[in-house]
Amino acid sequence: MADLTSEQLIALSRLFSSSVVREMARWKRSPLFALLAGQSGLPEILPVSTPVRNLFELAFALLRREGFRHEYIYKAALTQKVLLGKHSLRTAAMLTEFRVCGCKADLAILNGTSTVYEVKSERDSLNRLERQVAAYAEVFAKIYVIAAEIHVDAIACSVPKDIGILRLNGRHQISSLREAVELPERTSPASIFDSIRTDEARLVLELHGFRIPNVPNTLLNSVLRPMFVKLGSRRAHDGMVEVLRTTRSLMPLSDLVDQLPSSLRTAALSVPLRKADHSRLVAAINTPLDAAMAWG
């Protein structure tokens, strides 16, 4: 498939959406997958007996081509080369679409510190970038922009020098053009509090020796917030990292990840899945394509 229509590109990228993964994990089938696969045109060039996992791999290979690369391709590269390459599910947690000061961080990794990655693919504009990195600086110690070649020079001119810049090349390799400076002291305890869950904020406070008043849940947020602000930047940040590495741990998904094609790992790690969901998801991606197209 040398050329792809805009409809095909949209369908291919949506195949890796959380909605498709959730349906497969919940029901062992996905009507949305059948719809999107049909729109992509891929079933027409694959044997009917091929498993669904092979269609995902082909879709991923098509989306990896320069000029077609979707945000998901960049996230997958970070997942494979940073989370699973440099770190592991045992030592690090990954956050996707994490809300920060009115923005959504594409991907963040928490290990001994916090590092956030903002994706700027060939298909993205840079209009919101300055606002995004300013927001991320209030919660994360290190900030990287991972971008296509066409954006690199403009990004270098528009973001502060402490922001790191990564490039995803045509061979799906990540190269570092500028390293991020680690600055947990610039983070805002108030912004961290607003970005995490109330139960997580409570754990951070307890970690630092605060005694939590016994108040109704409806009042807990308003009681905890001024206490959290008193932590200061460094303690709030380090507490967030320590607590979220446990509360957002992906370790329970390690066995599942080993059974998935590499193209699907980021999608699966971005969706809350119960243990009972794992076998259904694996069964779904091993379903013959002709049977899967009848899911719709």
Protein backbone atom coordinates (compact mmCIF):
# COMPACT_ATOMS: atom_id res chain seq x y z
CA MET A 1 0.00 0.00 0.00
CA ALA A 2 2.17 2.81 -1.30
CA ASP A 3 -0.49 5.49 -0.94
CA LEU A 4 -3.03 5.84 1.81
CA THR A 5 -6.16 7.97 1.74
CA SER A 6 -6.94 10.27 4.65
CA GLU A 7 -9.77 7.89 5.66
CA GLN A 8 -7.36 4.96 5.73
CA LEU A 9 -4.83 6.90 7.81
CA ILE A 10 -7.47 7.83 10.36
CA ALA A 11 -8.70 4.22 10.55
CA LEU A 12 -5.16 2.87 10.95
CA SER A 13 -4.36 5.25 13.80
CA ARG A 14 -7.68 4.57 15.57
CA LEU A 15 -6.96 0.83 15.55
CA PHE A 16 -4.53 1.54 18.42
CA SER A 17 -7.04 3.53 20.47
CA SER A 18 -8.01 2.69 24.02
CA SER A 19 -11.56 2.00 22.82
CA VAL A 20 -10.46 -0.94 20.68
CA VAL A 21 -8.28 -2.39 23.47
CA ARG A 22 -11.08 -2.01 26.03
CA GLU A 23 -13.61 -3.80 23.81
CA MET A 24 -11.25 -6.68 23.13
CA ALA A 25 -10.32 -7.00 26.81
CA ARG A 26 -13.93 -6.85 27.99
CA TRP A 27 -15.69 -8.97 25.39
CA LYS A 28 -12.94 -10.91 23.56
CA ARG A 29 -14.13 -9.14 20.44
CA SER A 30 -14.35 -5.58 19.14
CA PRO A 31 -16.97 -4.29 16.73
CA LEU A 32 -14.94 -1.07 16.49
CA PHE A 33 -11.90 -3.07 15.35
CA ALA A 34 -13.97 -4.72 12.60
CA LEU A 35 -15.22 -1.32 11.43
CA LEU A 36 -11.78 0.31 11.41
CA ALA A 37 -10.06 -2.69 9.85
CA GLY A 38 -12.60 -2.58 7.02
CA GLN A 39 -12.02 1.15 6.50
CA SER A 40 -8.24 0.61 6.45
CA GLY A 41 -8.43 -1.83 3.52
CA LEU A 42 -5.91 -4.19 5.14
CA PRO A 43 -8.18 -7.29 5.23
CA GLU A 44 -8.18 -7.19 1.43
CA ILE A 45 -4.43 -7.84 1.26
CA LEU A 46 -4.06 -10.32 4.15
CA PRO A 47 -4.96 -14.04 4.16
CA VAL A 48 -8.32 -14.63 5.83
CA SER A 49 -6.74 -17.09 8.26
CA THR A 50 -4.12 -14.61 9.51
CA PRO A 51 -4.58 -13.65 13.17
CA VAL A 52 -5.73 -10.18 14.16
CA ARG A 53 -2.30 -9.50 15.70
CA ASN A 54 -0.78 -9.56 12.20
CA LEU A 55 -3.13 -6.86 11.02
CA PHE A 56 -2.01 -4.67 13.93
CA GLU A 57 1.62 -5.26 12.97
CA LEU A 58 0.97 -4.31 9.34
CA ALA A 59 -0.99 -1.22 10.38
CA PHE A 60 1.87 -0.17 12.63
CA ALA A 61 4.42 -0.67 9.87
CA LEU A 62 2.39 1.56 7.55
CA LEU A 63 2.01 4.27 10.20
CA ARG A 64 5.76 4.22 10.86
CA ARG A 65 6.56 5.57 7.41
CA GLU A 66 7.76 9.18 7.40
CA GLY A 67 4.99 11.53 6.46
CA PHE A 68 2.35 9.19 7.89
CA ARG A 69 3.62 8.92 11.46
CA HIS A 70 0.89 9.36 14.02
CA GLU A 71 1.35 10.37 17.68
CA TYR A 72 0.99 6.71 18.66
CA ILE A 73 4.18 5.82 16.75
CA TYR A 74 6.17 8.25 18.87
CA LYS A 75 4.62 6.93 22.09
CA ALA A 76 5.42 3.38 21.03
CA ALA A 77 9.05 4.31 20.39
CA LEU A 78 9.30 5.86 23.87
CA THR A 79 7.62 2.86 25.48
CA GLN A 80 9.91 0.37 23.80
CA LYS A 81 13.20 2.25 24.01
CA VAL A 82 12.82 4.15 27.31
CA LEU A 83 10.26 2.41 29.54
CA LEU A 84 11.03 -1.18 28.50
CA GLY A 85 14.57 -0.51 27.24
CA LYS A 86 16.29 1.68 29.83
CA HIS A 87 13.92 0.92 32.70
CA SER A 88 11.37 -1.85 33.32
CA LEU A 89 7.80 -2.27 34.50
CA ARG A 90 9.24 -3.28 37.87
CA THR A 91 11.13 -0.03 38.45
CA ALA A 92 9.17 2.64 36.55
CA ALA A 93 5.60 3.76 35.98
CA MET A 94 4.24 5.29 32.79
CA LEU A 95 1.46 7.86 32.56
CA THR A 96 -0.35 8.67 29.31
CA GLU A 97 -2.74 11.54 28.61
CA PHE A 98 -1.98 12.86 32.11
CA ARG A 99 -3.83 16.11 32.86
CA VAL A 100 -1.57 18.99 33.93
CA CYS A 101 -2.72 22.60 34.33
CA GLY A 102 -5.31 22.42 31.57
CA CYS A 103 -3.04 20.40 29.22
CA LYS A 104 -2.72 16.67 28.58
CA ALA A 105 0.82 15.32 28.76
CA ASP A 106 1.35 12.73 26.02
CA LEU A 107 3.55 10.44 28.11
CA ALA A 108 5.48 10.62 31.37
CA ILE A 109 7.82 8.12 33.02
CA LEU A 110 8.42 8.03 36.76
CA ASN A 111 11.48 6.22 38.06
CA GLY A 112 13.86 7.99 40.46
CA THR A 113 12.54 11.27 39.06
CA SER A 114 9.78 12.41 36.70
CA THR A 115 10.23 12.91 32.96
CA VAL A 116 7.49 14.07 30.61
CA TYR A 117 7.51 13.73 26.83
CA GLU A 118 5.50 15.93 24.48
CA VAL A 119 5.04 14.52 20.97
CA LYS A 120 5.15 16.75 17.91
CA SER A 121 4.69 14.52 14.88
CA GLU A 122 4.79 15.52 11.23
CA ARG A 123 1.05 16.01 11.45
CA ASP A 124 1.12 18.31 14.51
CA SER A 125 1.46 22.07 14.75
CA LEU A 126 3.62 23.85 17.34
CA ASN A 127 0.99 26.43 18.25
CA ARG A 128 0.44 25.20 21.82
CA LEU A 129 3.97 24.04 22.58
CA GLU A 130 5.13 26.98 24.69
CA ARG A 131 1.99 26.79 26.85
CA GLN A 132 2.37 23.02 27.19
CA VAL A 133 5.99 23.02 28.37
CA ALA A 134 5.24 25.86 30.82
CA ALA A 135 2.44 23.73 32.31
CA TYR A 136 4.59 20.59 32.51
CA ALA A 137 7.32 22.50 34.35
CA GLU A 138 4.91 22.88 37.27
CA VAL A 139 4.65 19.11 37.78
CA PHE A 140 7.62 17.30 36.18
CA ALA A 141 11.35 17.61 36.84
CA LYS A 142 12.47 16.92 33.27
CA ILE A 143 10.74 17.84 30.01
CA TYR A 144 11.47 16.52 26.53
CA VAL A 145 9.86 17.31 23.20
CA ILE A 146 10.14 14.36 20.81
CA ALA A 147 9.61 15.54 17.29
CA ALA A 148 9.81 14.92 13.58
CA GLU A 149 12.79 16.33 11.69
CA ILE A 150 10.71 19.14 10.17
CA HIS A 151 9.95 20.61 13.62
CA VAL A 152 13.36 20.37 15.29
CA ASP A 153 14.77 23.80 14.41
CA ALA A 154 11.54 25.64 15.30
CA ILE A 155 11.30 23.82 18.64
CA ALA A 156 14.91 24.66 19.53
CA CYS A 157 14.12 28.35 19.02
CA SER A 158 10.81 28.40 20.88
CA VAL A 159 11.34 26.47 24.13
CA PRO A 160 13.64 27.26 27.09
CA LYS A 161 17.16 25.83 27.03
CA ASP A 162 16.41 23.45 29.90
CA ILE A 163 13.86 21.60 27.73
CA GLY A 164 15.32 18.52 26.05
CA ILE A 165 14.78 17.77 22.36
CA LEU A 166 14.57 14.26 20.87
CA ARG A 167 14.22 13.31 17.23
CA LEU A 168 12.52 10.19 15.84
CA ASN A 169 14.27 9.32 12.61
CA GLY A 170 13.05 7.33 9.62
CA ARG A 171 14.44 4.09 11.09
CA HIS A 172 12.29 4.52 14.21
CA GLN A 173 15.34 5.39 16.31
CA ILE A 174 15.37 8.12 18.96
CA SER A 175 18.32 10.48 19.00
CA SER A 176 18.95 13.17 21.59
CA LEU A 177 19.64 16.64 20.21
CA ARG A 178 19.55 18.38 23.59
CA GLU A 179 19.41 16.89 27.06
CA ALA A 180 16.76 18.07 29.53
CA VAL A 181 17.87 19.69 32.78
CA GLU A 182 16.40 18.10 35.91
CA LEU A 183 14.69 20.81 37.94
CA PRO A 184 12.30 19.41 40.59
CA GLU A 185 12.66 22.65 42.54
CA ARG A 186 10.68 24.57 39.92
CA THR A 187 7.58 22.41 40.35
CA SER A 188 4.44 23.73 42.03
CA PRO A 189 2.95 21.74 44.94
CA ALA A 190 -0.48 23.19 44.12
CA SER A 191 -0.26 22.04 40.49
CA ILE A 192 0.97 18.59 41.54
CA PHE A 193 -1.95 18.30 43.95
CA ASP A 194 -4.42 19.25 41.22
CA SER A 195 -2.93 16.67 38.82
CA ILE A 196 -3.00 13.60 41.05
CA ARG A 197 -5.91 11.82 42.76
CA THR A 198 -7.02 12.78 46.27
CA ASP A 199 -6.04 9.36 47.64
CA GLU A 200 -2.57 9.79 46.13
CA ALA A 201 -2.19 13.25 47.66
CA ARG A 202 -3.12 11.77 51.02
CA LEU A 203 -0.41 9.10 50.66
CA VAL A 204 2.19 11.74 49.80
CA LEU A 205 1.29 13.71 52.93
CA GLU A 206 1.39 10.61 55.11
CA LEU A 207 4.77 9.73 53.61
CA HIS A 208 6.07 13.05 54.94
CA GLY A 209 4.57 12.56 58.40
CA PHE A 210 1.41 14.64 58.13
CA ARG A 211 -1.58 13.51 60.18
CA ILE A 212 -4.75 13.59 58.11
CA PRO A 213 -7.88 14.94 59.88
CA ASN A 214 -10.91 12.66 59.99
CA VAL A 215 -13.32 14.56 57.76
CA PRO A 216 -16.03 13.48 55.29
CA ASN A 217 -14.78 12.62 51.80
CA THR A 218 -16.62 15.63 50.41
CA LEU A 219 -14.36 17.91 52.45
CA LEU A 220 -11.12 15.96 52.14
CA ASN A 221 -9.84 17.70 49.02
CA SER A 222 -10.22 21.18 50.51
CA VAL A 223 -8.52 20.04 53.74
CA LEU A 224 -5.58 18.34 52.04
CA ARG A 225 -4.74 21.06 49.50
CA PRO A 226 -3.32 23.68 51.92
CA MET A 227 -1.39 20.94 53.71
CA PHE A 228 0.07 19.75 50.41
CA VAL A 229 1.18 23.25 49.42
CA LYS A 230 3.20 23.43 52.64
CA LEU A 231 5.37 20.53 51.46
CA GLY A 232 7.33 22.77 49.13
CA SER A 233 8.42 21.92 45.61
CA ARG A 234 11.03 19.25 46.23
CA ARG A 235 9.12 17.21 48.81
CA ALA A 236 5.87 17.43 46.83
CA HIS A 237 7.59 16.30 43.64
CA ASP A 238 9.60 13.48 45.22
CA GLY A 239 6.54 12.29 47.14
CA MET A 240 4.49 12.26 43.95
CA VAL A 241 7.12 10.13 42.21
CA GLU A 242 7.36 7.65 45.07
CA VAL A 243 3.61 7.27 45.51
CA LEU A 244 2.64 7.14 41.82
CA ARG A 245 5.28 4.51 41.09
CA THR A 246 3.12 2.28 43.31
CA THR A 247 -0.42 3.50 42.60
CA ARG A 248 0.15 3.64 38.82
CA SER A 249 2.43 0.60 38.64
CA LEU A 250 2.27 -1.39 35.41
CA MET A 251 3.98 -4.44 36.89
CA PRO A 252 0.70 -6.47 36.92
CA LEU A 253 0.71 -6.16 33.10
CA SER A 254 4.20 -7.60 32.57
CA ASP A 255 3.02 -11.11 31.65
CA LEU A 256 0.39 -9.68 29.29
CA VAL A 257 2.93 -7.42 27.55
CA ASP A 258 5.09 -10.44 26.76
CA GLN A 259 2.14 -12.02 24.88
CA LEU A 260 1.39 -8.96 22.75
CA PRO A 261 2.98 -7.88 19.47
CA SER A 262 5.26 -4.87 19.97
CA SER A 263 2.83 -2.68 18.05
CA LEU A 264 0.13 -3.15 20.72
CA ARG A 265 2.18 -2.84 23.89
CA THR A 266 1.81 0.91 24.32
CA ALA A 267 -1.95 0.71 23.77
CA ALA A 268 -2.32 -2.02 26.38
CA LEU A 269 -0.15 -0.18 28.90
CA SER A 270 -2.30 2.94 28.50
CA VAL A 271 -5.59 1.28 29.49
CA PRO A 272 -6.56 0.12 33.00
CA LEU A 273 -6.94 -3.65 32.66
CA ARG A 274 -7.99 -6.22 35.24
CA LYS A 275 -6.32 -9.61 35.48
CA ALA A 276 -9.44 -11.24 34.00
CA ASP A 277 -9.12 -8.99 30.93
CA HIS A 278 -5.71 -10.32 29.94
CA SER A 279 -6.77 -13.70 28.55
CA ARG A 280 -9.67 -12.13 26.64
CA LEU A 281 -7.37 -9.58 24.98
CA VAL A 282 -4.86 -12.27 24.01
CA ALA A 283 -7.65 -14.47 22.62
CA ALA A 284 -9.01 -11.54 20.60
CA ILE A 285 -5.70 -10.71 18.89
CA ASN A 286 -5.18 -14.40 18.05
CA THR A 287 -8.61 -14.66 16.37
CA PRO A 288 -8.47 -15.40 12.61
CA LEU A 289 -9.15 -12.27 10.59
CA ASP A 290 -12.22 -13.63 8.79
CA ALA A 291 -13.88 -14.35 12.15
CA ALA A 292 -12.86 -10.96 13.53
CA MET A 293 -14.40 -9.10 10.60
CA ALA A 294 -17.75 -10.62 11.64
CA TRP A 295 -17.49 -8.89 15.04
CA GLY A 296 -19.19 -5.86 13.57
